[in-house]
Amino acid sequence: MPTDLSTIDLATINAAQVVIVAAIRNQCCQWEQDSADAAAAGQLRSALSLKDWAFAADQLATLVSTEFSVLFGQALDAQMNWSSTRTVQDQLLDALAVEVASAQSDSVEVPSV
């Protein structure tokens, strides 16, 4: 991990968080489905094991998301301290814009005429 957090791109942190947390949550859903399938097939031990894995994956997704949020905050703080030539309000507005942009979908639907 870089020692100078002011050089970390906030949009990259947000994008990594979205991709990694989604991958973990997708695996969680798969294990939940596999658990339900195993239970329906009468494989109760397997179903319980898969249910436990799904629960653990859900907890991991929450932990990873939290850690990315902490990293984002540290990088933002480092950038605010590093770029003291701009006002704090401008820097916060920039950070908010990055966060909003990363939360928006990449695809834009065009209404049919």
PDB file of N, CA and C in Angstrom:
ATOM      1  N   MET A   1       0.837  -1.176   0.000  1.00  0.00           N
ATOM      2  CA  MET A   1       0.000   0.000   0.000  1.00  0.00           C
ATOM      3  C   MET A   1       0.883   1.241   0.000  1.00  0.00           C
ATOM      4  N   PRO A   2       0.563   2.240  -0.841  1.00  0.00           N
ATOM      5  CA  PRO A   2       1.373   3.443  -0.882  1.00  0.00           C
ATOM      6  C   PRO A   2       1.354   4.158   0.463  1.00  0.00           C
ATOM      7  N   THR A   3       2.476   4.773   0.805  1.00  0.00           N
ATOM      8  CA  THR A   3       2.530   5.496   2.060  1.00  0.00           C
ATOM      9  C   THR A   3       1.921   6.880   1.924  1.00  0.00           C
ATOM     10  N   ASP A   4       1.847   7.411   0.717  1.00  0.00           N
ATOM     11  CA  ASP A   4       1.271   8.722   0.482  1.00  0.00           C
ATOM     12  C   ASP A   4      -0.147   8.557  -0.060  1.00  0.00           C
ATOM     13  N   LEU A   5      -1.126   8.618   0.831  1.00  0.00           N
ATOM     14  CA  LEU A   5      -2.512   8.420   0.431  1.00  0.00           C
ATOM     15  C   LEU A   5      -3.046   9.544  -0.442  1.00  0.00           C
ATOM     16  N   SER A   6      -2.345  10.674  -0.512  1.00  0.00           N
ATOM     17  CA  SER A   6      -2.824  11.780  -1.334  1.00  0.00           C
ATOM     18  C   SER A   6      -2.723  11.472  -2.818  1.00  0.00           C
ATOM     19  N   THR A   7      -1.975  10.432  -3.186  1.00  0.00           N
ATOM     20  CA  THR A   7      -1.833  10.087  -4.603  1.00  0.00           C
ATOM     21  C   THR A   7      -2.848   9.044  -5.053  1.00  0.00           C
ATOM     22  N   ILE A   8      -3.669   8.523  -4.133  1.00  0.00           N
ATOM     23  CA  ILE A   8      -4.667   7.515  -4.500  1.00  0.00           C
ATOM     24  C   ILE A   8      -5.891   8.204  -5.094  1.00  0.00           C
ATOM     25  N   ASP A   9      -6.321   7.727  -6.228  1.00  0.00           N
ATOM     26  CA  ASP A   9      -7.474   8.276  -6.924  1.00  0.00           C
ATOM     27  C   ASP A   9      -8.750   7.816  -6.218  1.00  0.00           C
ATOM     28  N   LEU A  10      -9.578   8.753  -5.787  1.00  0.00           N
ATOM     29  CA  LEU A  10     -10.802   8.422  -5.052  1.00  0.00           C
ATOM     30  C   LEU A  10     -11.792   7.637  -5.909  1.00  0.00           C
ATOM     31  N   ALA A  11     -11.864   7.957  -7.178  1.00  0.00           N
ATOM     32  CA  ALA A  11     -12.773   7.228  -8.072  1.00  0.00           C
ATOM     33  C   ALA A  11     -12.349   5.764  -8.196  1.00  0.00           C
ATOM     34  N   THR A  12     -11.055   5.510  -8.196  1.00  0.00           N
ATOM     35  CA  THR A  12     -10.556   4.137  -8.273  1.00  0.00           C
ATOM     36  C   THR A  12     -10.918   3.369  -7.009  1.00  0.00           C
ATOM     37  N   ILE A  13     -10.807   4.010  -5.866  1.00  0.00           N
ATOM     38  CA  ILE A  13     -11.193   3.366  -4.610  1.00  0.00           C
ATOM     39  C   ILE A  13     -12.670   2.990  -4.662  1.00  0.00           C
ATOM     40  N   ASN A  14     -13.502   3.915  -5.098  1.00  0.00           N
ATOM     41  CA  ASN A  14     -14.942   3.634  -5.182  1.00  0.00           C
ATOM     42  C   ASN A  14     -15.239   2.517  -6.173  1.00  0.00           C
ATOM     43  N   ALA A  15     -14.579   2.547  -7.322  1.00  0.00           N
ATOM     44  CA  ALA A  15     -14.815   1.513  -8.338  1.00  0.00           C
ATOM     45  C   ALA A  15     -14.389   0.139  -7.818  1.00  0.00           C
ATOM     46  N   ALA A  16     -13.250   0.076  -7.155  1.00  0.00           N
ATOM     47  CA  ALA A  16     -12.780  -1.194  -6.599  1.00  0.00           C
ATOM     48  C   ALA A  16     -13.757  -1.712  -5.549  1.00  0.00           C
ATOM     49  N   GLN A  17     -14.281  -0.825  -4.725  1.00  0.00           N
ATOM     50  CA  GLN A  17     -15.241  -1.229  -3.706  1.00  0.00           C
ATOM     51  C   GLN A  17     -16.483  -1.841  -4.347  1.00  0.00           C
ATOM     52  N   VAL A  18     -17.004  -1.186  -5.369  1.00  0.00           N
ATOM     53  CA  VAL A  18     -18.219  -1.679  -6.040  1.00  0.00           C
ATOM     54  C   VAL A  18     -17.979  -3.060  -6.631  1.00  0.00           C
ATOM     55  N   VAL A  19     -16.876  -3.235  -7.331  1.00  0.00           N
ATOM     56  CA  VAL A  19     -16.595  -4.508  -8.012  1.00  0.00           C
ATOM     57  C   VAL A  19     -16.355  -5.637  -7.007  1.00  0.00           C
ATOM     58  N   ILE A  20     -15.547  -5.382  -6.003  1.00  0.00           N
ATOM     59  CA  ILE A  20     -15.192  -6.432  -5.050  1.00  0.00           C
ATOM     60  C   ILE A  20     -16.385  -6.824  -4.183  1.00  0.00           C
ATOM     61  N   VAL A  21     -17.112  -5.842  -3.672  1.00  0.00           N
ATOM     62  CA  VAL A  21     -18.272  -6.147  -2.823  1.00  0.00           C
ATOM     63  C   VAL A  21     -19.347  -6.864  -3.643  1.00  0.00           C
ATOM     64  N   ALA A  22     -19.553  -6.456  -4.887  1.00  0.00           N
ATOM     65  CA  ALA A  22     -20.546  -7.133  -5.737  1.00  0.00           C
ATOM     66  C   ALA A  22     -20.147  -8.580  -5.993  1.00  0.00           C
ATOM     67  N   ALA A  23     -18.871  -8.824  -6.215  1.00  0.00           N
ATOM     68  CA  ALA A  23     -18.414 -10.201  -6.453  1.00  0.00           C
ATOM     69  C   ALA A  23     -18.655 -11.074  -5.225  1.00  0.00           C
ATOM     70  N   ILE A  24     -18.373 -10.550  -4.051  1.00  0.00           N
ATOM     71  CA  ILE A  24     -18.590 -11.319  -2.824  1.00  0.00           C
ATOM     72  C   ILE A  24     -20.084 -11.557  -2.609  1.00  0.00           C
ATOM     73  N   ARG A  25     -20.896 -10.527  -2.825  1.00  0.00           N
ATOM     74  CA  ARG A  25     -22.348 -10.680  -2.641  1.00  0.00           C
ATOM     75  C   ARG A  25     -22.929 -11.661  -3.675  1.00  0.00           C
ATOM     76  N   ASN A  26     -22.419 -11.645  -4.890  1.00  0.00           N
ATOM     77  CA  ASN A  26     -22.876 -12.614  -5.894  1.00  0.00           C
ATOM     78  C   ASN A  26     -22.563 -14.042  -5.462  1.00  0.00           C
ATOM     79  N   GLN A  27     -21.370 -14.246  -4.903  1.00  0.00           N
ATOM     80  CA  GLN A  27     -21.006 -15.573  -4.413  1.00  0.00           C
ATOM     81  C   GLN A  27     -21.905 -15.969  -3.246  1.00  0.00           C
ATOM     82  N   CYS A  28     -22.220 -15.009  -2.402  1.00  0.00           N
ATOM     83  CA  CYS A  28     -23.131 -15.249  -1.284  1.00  0.00           C
ATOM     84  C   CYS A  28     -24.483 -15.743  -1.805  1.00  0.00           C
ATOM     85  N   CYS A  29     -25.010 -15.074  -2.804  1.00  0.00           N
ATOM     86  CA  CYS A  29     -26.296 -15.481  -3.396  1.00  0.00           C
ATOM     87  C   CYS A  29     -26.207 -16.877  -4.003  1.00  0.00           C
ATOM     88  N   GLN A  30     -25.084 -17.178  -4.638  1.00  0.00           N
ATOM     89  CA  GLN A  30     -24.909 -18.508  -5.235  1.00  0.00           C
ATOM     90  C   GLN A  30     -24.927 -19.582  -4.155  1.00  0.00           C
ATOM     91  N   TRP A  31     -24.217 -19.336  -3.049  1.00  0.00           N
ATOM     92  CA  TRP A  31     -24.196 -20.314  -1.965  1.00  0.00           C
ATOM     93  C   TRP A  31     -25.573 -20.454  -1.315  1.00  0.00           C
ATOM     94  N   GLU A  32     -26.318 -19.352  -1.222  1.00  0.00           N
ATOM     95  CA  GLU A  32     -27.676 -19.443  -0.682  1.00  0.00           C
ATOM     96  C   GLU A  32     -28.554 -20.308  -1.584  1.00  0.00           C
ATOM     97  N   GLN A  33     -28.423 -20.122  -2.901  1.00  0.00           N
ATOM     98  CA  GLN A  33     -29.196 -20.930  -3.840  1.00  0.00           C
ATOM     99  C   GLN A  33     -28.777 -22.401  -3.778  1.00  0.00           C
ATOM    100  N   ASP A  34     -27.467 -22.621  -3.727  1.00  0.00           N
ATOM    101  CA  ASP A  34     -26.963 -23.989  -3.622  1.00  0.00           C
ATOM    102  C   ASP A  34     -27.450 -24.655  -2.336  1.00  0.00           C
ATOM    103  N   SER A  35     -27.521 -23.885  -1.262  1.00  0.00           N
ATOM    104  CA  SER A  35     -28.017 -24.402   0.012  1.00  0.00           C
ATOM    105  C   SER A  35     -29.479 -24.809  -0.102  1.00  0.00           C
ATOM    106  N   ALA A  36     -30.283 -23.959  -0.717  1.00  0.00           N
ATOM    107  CA  ALA A  36     -31.701 -24.275  -0.903  1.00  0.00           C
ATOM    108  C   ALA A  36     -31.868 -25.515  -1.777  1.00  0.00           C
ATOM    109  N   ASP A  37     -31.053 -25.614  -2.823  1.00  0.00           N
ATOM    110  CA  ASP A  37     -31.119 -26.783  -3.704  1.00  0.00           C
ATOM    111  C   ASP A  37     -30.728 -28.062  -2.950  1.00  0.00           C
ATOM    112  N   ALA A  38     -29.684 -27.964  -2.139  1.00  0.00           N
ATOM    113  CA  ALA A  38     -29.239 -29.132  -1.379  1.00  0.00           C
ATOM    114  C   ALA A  38     -30.303 -29.543  -0.357  1.00  0.00           C
ATOM    115  N   ALA A  39     -30.932 -28.573   0.275  1.00  0.00           N
ATOM    116  CA  ALA A  39     -31.990 -28.884   1.243  1.00  0.00           C
ATOM    117  C   ALA A  39     -33.162 -29.561   0.546  1.00  0.00           C
ATOM    118  N   ALA A  40     -33.521 -29.081  -0.626  1.00  0.00           N
ATOM    119  CA  ALA A  40     -34.624 -29.680  -1.382  1.00  0.00           C
ATOM    120  C   ALA A  40     -34.295 -31.105  -1.807  1.00  0.00           C
ATOM    121  N   ALA A  41     -33.012 -31.370  -2.001  1.00  0.00           N
ATOM    122  CA  ALA A  41     -32.583 -32.712  -2.402  1.00  0.00           C
ATOM    123  C   ALA A  41     -32.349 -33.620  -1.197  1.00  0.00           C
ATOM    124  N   GLY A  42     -32.608 -33.101  -0.005  1.00  0.00           N
ATOM    125  CA  GLY A  42     -32.438 -33.905   1.202  1.00  0.00           C
ATOM    126  C   GLY A  42     -31.020 -33.980   1.717  1.00  0.00           C
ATOM    127  N   GLN A  43     -30.128 -33.169   1.177  1.00  0.00           N
ATOM    128  CA  GLN A  43     -28.721 -33.149   1.608  1.00  0.00           C
ATOM    129  C   GLN A  43     -28.564 -32.073   2.681  1.00  0.00           C
ATOM    130  N   LEU A  44     -29.075 -32.356   3.870  1.00  0.00           N
ATOM    131  CA  LEU A  44     -29.169 -31.343   4.915  1.00  0.00           C
ATOM    132  C   LEU A  44     -27.813 -30.881   5.441  1.00  0.00           C
ATOM    133  N   ARG A  45     -26.872 -31.781   5.557  1.00  0.00           N
ATOM    134  CA  ARG A  45     -25.539 -31.386   6.040  1.00  0.00           C
ATOM    135  C   ARG A  45     -24.873 -30.428   5.044  1.00  0.00           C
ATOM    136  N   SER A  46     -24.981 -30.743   3.783  1.00  0.00           N
ATOM    137  CA  SER A  46     -24.425 -29.891   2.732  1.00  0.00           C
ATOM    138  C   SER A  46     -25.152 -28.543   2.696  1.00  0.00           C
ATOM    139  N   ALA A  47     -26.469 -28.591   2.852  1.00  0.00           N
ATOM    140  CA  ALA A  47     -27.262 -27.361   2.846  1.00  0.00           C
ATOM    141  C   ALA A  47     -26.849 -26.446   3.982  1.00  0.00           C
ATOM    142  N   LEU A  48     -26.641 -27.005   5.173  1.00  0.00           N
ATOM    143  CA  LEU A  48     -26.236 -26.203   6.324  1.00  0.00           C
ATOM    144  C   LEU A  48     -24.851 -25.607   6.118  1.00  0.00           C
ATOM    145  N   SER A  49     -23.951 -26.422   5.567  1.00  0.00           N
ATOM    146  CA  SER A  49     -22.593 -25.936   5.303  1.00  0.00           C
ATOM    147  C   SER A  49     -22.618 -24.769   4.308  1.00  0.00           C
ATOM    148  N   LEU A  50     -23.380 -24.905   3.241  1.00  0.00           N
ATOM    149  CA  LEU A  50     -23.478 -23.837   2.237  1.00  0.00           C
ATOM    150  C   LEU A  50     -24.138 -22.584   2.818  1.00  0.00           C
ATOM    151  N   LYS A  51     -25.119 -22.790   3.679  1.00  0.00           N
ATOM    152  CA  LYS A  51     -25.767 -21.652   4.339  1.00  0.00           C
ATOM    153  C   LYS A  51     -24.764 -20.899   5.211  1.00  0.00           C
ATOM    154  N   ASP A  52     -23.905 -21.643   5.913  1.00  0.00           N
ATOM    155  CA  ASP A  52     -22.864 -21.015   6.732  1.00  0.00           C
ATOM    156  C   ASP A  52     -21.869 -20.235   5.871  1.00  0.00           C
ATOM    157  N   TRP A  53     -21.504 -20.805   4.715  1.00  0.00           N
ATOM    158  CA  TRP A  53     -20.605 -20.099   3.803  1.00  0.00           C
ATOM    159  C   TRP A  53     -21.250 -18.810   3.289  1.00  0.00           C
ATOM    160  N   ALA A  54     -22.530 -18.866   2.983  1.00  0.00           N
ATOM    161  CA  ALA A  54     -23.242 -17.679   2.505  1.00  0.00           C
ATOM    162  C   ALA A  54     -23.260 -16.600   3.579  1.00  0.00           C
ATOM    163  N   PHE A  55     -23.516 -17.013   4.818  1.00  0.00           N
ATOM    164  CA  PHE A  55     -23.517 -16.048   5.918  1.00  0.00           C
ATOM    165  C   PHE A  55     -22.139 -15.406   6.082  1.00  0.00           C
ATOM    166  N   ALA A  56     -21.100 -16.230   6.032  1.00  0.00           N
ATOM    167  CA  ALA A  56     -19.736 -15.716   6.164  1.00  0.00           C
ATOM    168  C   ALA A  56     -19.404 -14.756   5.021  1.00  0.00           C
ATOM    169  N   ALA A  57     -19.836 -15.078   3.817  1.00  0.00           N
ATOM    170  CA  ALA A  57     -19.577 -14.202   2.666  1.00  0.00           C
ATOM    171  C   ALA A  57     -20.293 -12.861   2.832  1.00  0.00           C
ATOM    172  N   ASP A  58     -21.509 -12.906   3.362  1.00  0.00           N
ATOM    173  CA  ASP A  58     -22.246 -11.665   3.601  1.00  0.00           C
ATOM    174  C   ASP A  58     -21.523 -10.793   4.624  1.00  0.00           C
ATOM    175  N   GLN A  59     -21.026 -11.420   5.681  1.00  0.00           N
ATOM    176  CA  GLN A  59     -20.265 -10.678   6.691  1.00  0.00           C
ATOM    177  C   GLN A  59     -18.979 -10.105   6.095  1.00  0.00           C
ATOM    178  N   LEU A  60     -18.324 -10.886   5.252  1.00  0.00           N
ATOM    179  CA  LEU A  60     -17.096 -10.425   4.598  1.00  0.00           C
ATOM    180  C   LEU A  60     -17.372  -9.236   3.688  1.00  0.00           C
ATOM    181  N   ALA A  61     -18.466  -9.268   2.948  1.00  0.00           N
ATOM    182  CA  ALA A  61     -18.814  -8.148   2.068  1.00  0.00           C
ATOM    183  C   ALA A  61     -18.989  -6.869   2.870  1.00  0.00           C
ATOM    184  N   THR A  62     -19.628  -6.980   4.016  1.00  0.00           N
ATOM    185  CA  THR A  62     -19.818  -5.807   4.872  1.00  0.00           C
ATOM    186  C   THR A  62     -18.479  -5.297   5.390  1.00  0.00           C
ATOM    187  N   LEU A  63     -17.619  -6.203   5.819  1.00  0.00           N
ATOM    188  CA  LEU A  63     -16.300  -5.818   6.317  1.00  0.00           C
ATOM    189  C   LEU A  63     -15.469  -5.146   5.226  1.00  0.00           C
ATOM    190  N   VAL A  64     -15.466  -5.730   4.035  1.00  0.00           N
ATOM    191  CA  VAL A  64     -14.699  -5.161   2.922  1.00  0.00           C
ATOM    192  C   VAL A  64     -15.220  -3.776   2.562  1.00  0.00           C
ATOM    193  N   SER A  65     -16.529  -3.631   2.518  1.00  0.00           N
ATOM    194  CA  SER A  65     -17.129  -2.335   2.204  1.00  0.00           C
ATOM    195  C   SER A  65     -16.725  -1.286   3.231  1.00  0.00           C
ATOM    196  N   THR A  66     -16.753  -1.668   4.502  1.00  0.00           N
ATOM    197  CA  THR A  66     -16.358  -0.751   5.571  1.00  0.00           C
ATOM    198  C   THR A  66     -14.901  -0.345   5.437  1.00  0.00           C
ATOM    199  N   GLU A  67     -14.040  -1.313   5.161  1.00  0.00           N
ATOM    200  CA  GLU A  67     -12.608  -1.007   5.031  1.00  0.00           C
ATOM    201  C   GLU A  67     -12.333  -0.096   3.837  1.00  0.00           C
ATOM    202  N   PHE A  68     -13.055  -0.298   2.730  1.00  0.00           N
ATOM    203  CA  PHE A  68     -12.900   0.598   1.589  1.00  0.00           C
ATOM    204  C   PHE A  68     -13.357   2.014   1.959  1.00  0.00           C
ATOM    205  N   SER A  69     -14.406   2.125   2.730  1.00  0.00           N
ATOM    206  CA  SER A  69     -14.890   3.439   3.158  1.00  0.00           C
ATOM    207  C   SER A  69     -13.846   4.137   4.027  1.00  0.00           C
ATOM    208  N   VAL A  70     -13.209   3.375   4.902  1.00  0.00           N
ATOM    209  CA  VAL A  70     -12.140   3.933   5.734  1.00  0.00           C
ATOM    210  C   VAL A  70     -10.983   4.396   4.859  1.00  0.00           C
ATOM    211  N   LEU A  71     -10.590   3.575   3.894  1.00  0.00           N
ATOM    212  CA  LEU A  71      -9.508   3.942   2.976  1.00  0.00           C
ATOM    213  C   LEU A  71      -9.867   5.202   2.197  1.00  0.00           C
ATOM    214  N   PHE A  72     -11.115   5.286   1.725  1.00  0.00           N
ATOM    215  CA  PHE A  72     -11.570   6.471   1.008  1.00  0.00           C
ATOM    216  C   PHE A  72     -11.429   7.706   1.893  1.00  0.00           C
ATOM    217  N   GLY A  73     -11.859   7.585   3.144  1.00  0.00           N
ATOM    218  CA  GLY A  73     -11.757   8.712   4.077  1.00  0.00           C
ATOM    219  C   GLY A  73     -10.318   9.124   4.329  1.00  0.00           C
ATOM    220  N   GLN A  74      -9.436   8.139   4.482  1.00  0.00           N
ATOM    221  CA  GLN A  74      -8.020   8.450   4.700  1.00  0.00           C
ATOM    222  C   GLN A  74      -7.409   9.133   3.479  1.00  0.00           C
ATOM    223  N   ALA A  75      -7.737   8.633   2.294  1.00  0.00           N
ATOM    224  CA  ALA A  75      -7.204   9.229   1.070  1.00  0.00           C
ATOM    225  C   ALA A  75      -7.751  10.641   0.884  1.00  0.00           C
ATOM    226  N   LEU A  76      -9.028  10.823   1.174  1.00  0.00           N
ATOM    227  CA  LEU A  76      -9.627  12.156   1.064  1.00  0.00           C
ATOM    228  C   LEU A  76      -8.969  13.108   2.038  1.00  0.00           C
ATOM    229  N   ASP A  77      -8.763  12.660   3.261  1.00  0.00           N
ATOM    230  CA  ASP A  77      -8.112  13.493   4.269  1.00  0.00           C
ATOM    231  C   ASP A  77      -6.698  13.855   3.843  1.00  0.00           C
ATOM    232  N   ALA A  78      -5.963  12.878   3.294  1.00  0.00           N
ATOM    233  CA  ALA A  78      -4.601  13.142   2.835  1.00  0.00           C
ATOM    234  C   ALA A  78      -4.591  14.134   1.685  1.00  0.00           C
ATOM    235  N   GLN A  79      -5.558  14.003   0.774  1.00  0.00           N
ATOM    236  CA  GLN A  79      -5.621  14.938  -0.350  1.00  0.00           C
ATOM    237  C   GLN A  79      -5.992  16.336   0.119  1.00  0.00           C
ATOM    238  N   MET A  80      -6.880  16.426   1.087  1.00  0.00           N
ATOM    239  CA  MET A  80      -7.272  17.741   1.596  1.00  0.00           C
ATOM    240  C   MET A  80      -6.098  18.418   2.288  1.00  0.00           C
ATOM    241  N   ASN A  81      -5.313  17.651   3.008  1.00  0.00           N
ATOM    242  CA  ASN A  81      -4.136  18.216   3.675  1.00  0.00           C
ATOM    243  C   ASN A  81      -3.041  18.556   2.673  1.00  0.00           C
ATOM    244  N   TRP A  82      -2.976  17.762   1.590  1.00  0.00           N
ATOM    245  CA  TRP A  82      -1.940  17.957   0.584  1.00  0.00           C
ATOM    246  C   TRP A  82      -2.216  19.166  -0.288  1.00  0.00           C
ATOM    247  N   SER A  83      -3.460  19.370  -0.660  1.00  0.00           N
ATOM    248  CA  SER A  83      -3.785  20.465  -1.578  1.00  0.00           C
ATOM    249  C   SER A  83      -4.390  21.632  -0.809  1.00  0.00           C
ATOM    250  N   SER A  84      -3.568  22.235   0.014  1.00  0.00           N
ATOM    251  CA  SER A  84      -4.038  23.326   0.868  1.00  0.00           C
ATOM    252  C   SER A  84      -4.274  24.620   0.095  1.00  0.00           C
ATOM    253  N   THR A  85      -3.962  24.637  -1.197  1.00  0.00           N
ATOM    254  CA  THR A  85      -4.187  25.852  -1.979  1.00  0.00           C
ATOM    255  C   THR A  85      -5.665  26.034  -2.308  1.00  0.00           C
ATOM    256  N   ARG A  86      -6.465  24.975  -2.195  1.00  0.00           N
ATOM    257  CA  ARG A  86      -7.903  25.047  -2.459  1.00  0.00           C
ATOM    258  C   ARG A  86      -8.655  25.075  -1.146  1.00  0.00           C
ATOM    259  N   THR A  87      -9.848  25.633  -1.162  1.00  0.00           N
ATOM    260  CA  THR A  87     -10.633  25.696   0.062  1.00  0.00           C
ATOM    261  C   THR A  87     -11.159  24.307   0.417  1.00  0.00           C
ATOM    262  N   VAL A  88     -11.442  24.109   1.676  1.00  0.00           N
ATOM    263  CA  VAL A  88     -11.976  22.840   2.144  1.00  0.00           C
ATOM    264  C   VAL A  88     -13.322  22.573   1.483  1.00  0.00           C
ATOM    265  N   GLN A  89     -14.127  23.622   1.313  1.00  0.00           N
ATOM    266  CA  GLN A  89     -15.432  23.454   0.676  1.00  0.00           C
ATOM    267  C   GLN A  89     -15.288  22.944  -0.749  1.00  0.00           C
ATOM    268  N   ASP A  90     -14.334  23.491  -1.510  1.00  0.00           N
ATOM    269  CA  ASP A  90     -14.102  23.035  -2.883  1.00  0.00           C
ATOM    270  C   ASP A  90     -13.652  21.574  -2.901  1.00  0.00           C
ATOM    271  N   GLN A  91     -12.784  21.209  -1.980  1.00  0.00           N
ATOM    272  CA  GLN A  91     -12.291  19.845  -1.924  1.00  0.00           C
ATOM    273  C   GLN A  91     -13.414  18.874  -1.546  1.00  0.00           C
ATOM    274  N   LEU A  92     -14.258  19.257  -0.591  1.00  0.00           N
ATOM    275  CA  LEU A  92     -15.377  18.408  -0.210  1.00  0.00           C
ATOM    276  C   LEU A  92     -16.373  18.272  -1.348  1.00  0.00           C
ATOM    277  N   LEU A  93     -16.605  19.354  -2.074  1.00  0.00           N
ATOM    278  CA  LEU A  93     -17.507  19.308  -3.226  1.00  0.00           C
ATOM    279  C   LEU A  93     -16.958  18.373  -4.296  1.00  0.00           C
ATOM    280  N   ASP A  94     -15.650  18.441  -4.541  1.00  0.00           N
ATOM    281  CA  ASP A  94     -15.016  17.535  -5.503  1.00  0.00           C
ATOM    282  C   ASP A  94     -15.159  16.082  -5.063  1.00  0.00           C
ATOM    283  N   ALA A  95     -14.936  15.818  -3.791  1.00  0.00           N
ATOM    284  CA  ALA A  95     -15.051  14.449  -3.283  1.00  0.00           C
ATOM    285  C   ALA A  95     -16.478  13.949  -3.396  1.00  0.00           C
ATOM    286  N   LEU A  96     -17.438  14.795  -3.106  1.00  0.00           N
ATOM    287  CA  LEU A  96     -18.837  14.412  -3.224  1.00  0.00           C
ATOM    288  C   LEU A  96     -19.191  14.118  -4.682  1.00  0.00           C
ATOM    289  N   ALA A  97     -18.682  14.940  -5.595  1.00  0.00           N
ATOM    290  CA  ALA A  97     -18.943  14.720  -7.017  1.00  0.00           C
ATOM    291  C   ALA A  97     -18.377  13.379  -7.476  1.00  0.00           C
ATOM    292  N   VAL A  98     -17.191  13.027  -7.000  1.00  0.00           N
ATOM    293  CA  VAL A  98     -16.581  11.745  -7.357  1.00  0.00           C
ATOM    294  C   VAL A  98     -17.430  10.605  -6.817  1.00  0.00           C
ATOM    295  N   GLU A  99     -17.897  10.737  -5.580  1.00  0.00           N
ATOM    296  CA  GLU A  99     -18.687   9.675  -4.965  1.00  0.00           C
ATOM    297  C   GLU A  99     -20.023   9.499  -5.686  1.00  0.00           C
ATOM    298  N   VAL A 100     -20.673  10.598  -6.040  1.00  0.00           N
ATOM    299  CA  VAL A 100     -21.953  10.527  -6.751  1.00  0.00           C
ATOM    300  C   VAL A 100     -21.752   9.923  -8.138  1.00  0.00           C
ATOM    301  N   ALA A 101     -20.706  10.353  -8.834  1.00  0.00           N
ATOM    302  CA  ALA A 101     -20.443   9.840 -10.174  1.00  0.00           C
ATOM    303  C   ALA A 101     -20.169   8.344 -10.153  1.00  0.00           C
ATOM    304  N   SER A 102     -19.463   7.886  -9.138  1.00  0.00           N
ATOM    305  CA  SER A 102     -19.147   6.457  -9.082  1.00  0.00           C
ATOM    306  C   SER A 102     -20.365   5.624  -8.712  1.00  0.00           C
ATOM    307  N   ALA A 103     -21.332   6.234  -8.049  1.00  0.00           N
ATOM    308  CA  ALA A 103     -22.543   5.502  -7.662  1.00  0.00           C
ATOM    309  C   ALA A 103     -23.542   5.393  -8.809  1.00  0.00           C
ATOM    310  N   GLN A 104     -23.398   6.250  -9.796  1.00  0.00           N
ATOM    311  CA  GLN A 104     -24.317   6.224 -10.928  1.00  0.00           C
ATOM    312  C   GLN A 104     -23.968   5.080 -11.863  1.00  0.00           C
ATOM    313  N   SER A 105     -24.975   4.603 -12.554  1.00  0.00           N
ATOM    314  CA  SER A 105     -24.774   3.517 -13.506  1.00  0.00           C
ATOM    315  C   SER A 105     -23.967   4.008 -14.691  1.00  0.00           C
ATOM    316  N   ASP A 106     -23.133   3.115 -15.221  1.00  0.00           N
ATOM    317  CA  ASP A 106     -22.342   3.462 -16.410  1.00  0.00           C
ATOM    318  C   ASP A 106     -23.210   3.573 -17.645  1.00  0.00           C
ATOM    319  N   SER A 107     -24.303   2.848 -17.680  1.00  0.00           N
ATOM    320  CA  SER A 107     -25.142   2.872 -18.861  1.00  0.00           C
ATOM    321  C   SER A 107     -26.297   3.856 -18.663  1.00  0.00           C
ATOM    322  N   VAL A 108     -26.569   4.583 -19.691  1.00  0.00           N
ATOM    323  CA  VAL A 108     -27.675   5.542 -19.683  1.00  0.00           C
ATOM    324  C   VAL A 108     -28.709   5.043 -20.667  1.00  0.00           C
ATOM    325  N   GLU A 109     -29.939   4.885 -20.196  1.00  0.00           N
ATOM    326  CA  GLU A 109     -30.980   4.409 -21.078  1.00  0.00           C
ATOM    327  C   GLU A 109     -31.529   5.569 -21.899  1.00  0.00           C
ATOM    328  N   VAL A 110     -31.663   5.332 -23.191  1.00  0.00           N
ATOM    329  CA  VAL A 110     -32.221   6.322 -24.100  1.00  0.00           C
ATOM    330  C   VAL A 110     -33.666   5.945 -24.361  1.00  0.00           C
ATOM    331  N   PRO A 111     -34.615   6.831 -24.040  1.00  0.00           N
ATOM    332  CA  PRO A 111     -36.016   6.471 -24.258  1.00  0.00           C
ATOM    333  C   PRO A 111     -36.312   6.289 -25.738  1.00  0.00           C
ATOM    334  N   SER A 112     -37.139   5.295 -26.031  1.00  0.00           N
ATOM    335  CA  SER A 112     -37.509   5.065 -27.424  1.00  0.00           C
ATOM    336  C   SER A 112     -38.572   6.071 -27.840  1.00  0.00           C
ATOM    337  N   VAL A 113     -38.515   6.449 -29.086  1.00  0.00           N
ATOM    338  CA  VAL A 113     -39.451   7.446 -29.586  1.00  0.00           C
ATOM    339  C   VAL A 113     -40.606   6.775 -30.290  1.00  0.00           C
TER     340      VAL A 113
END
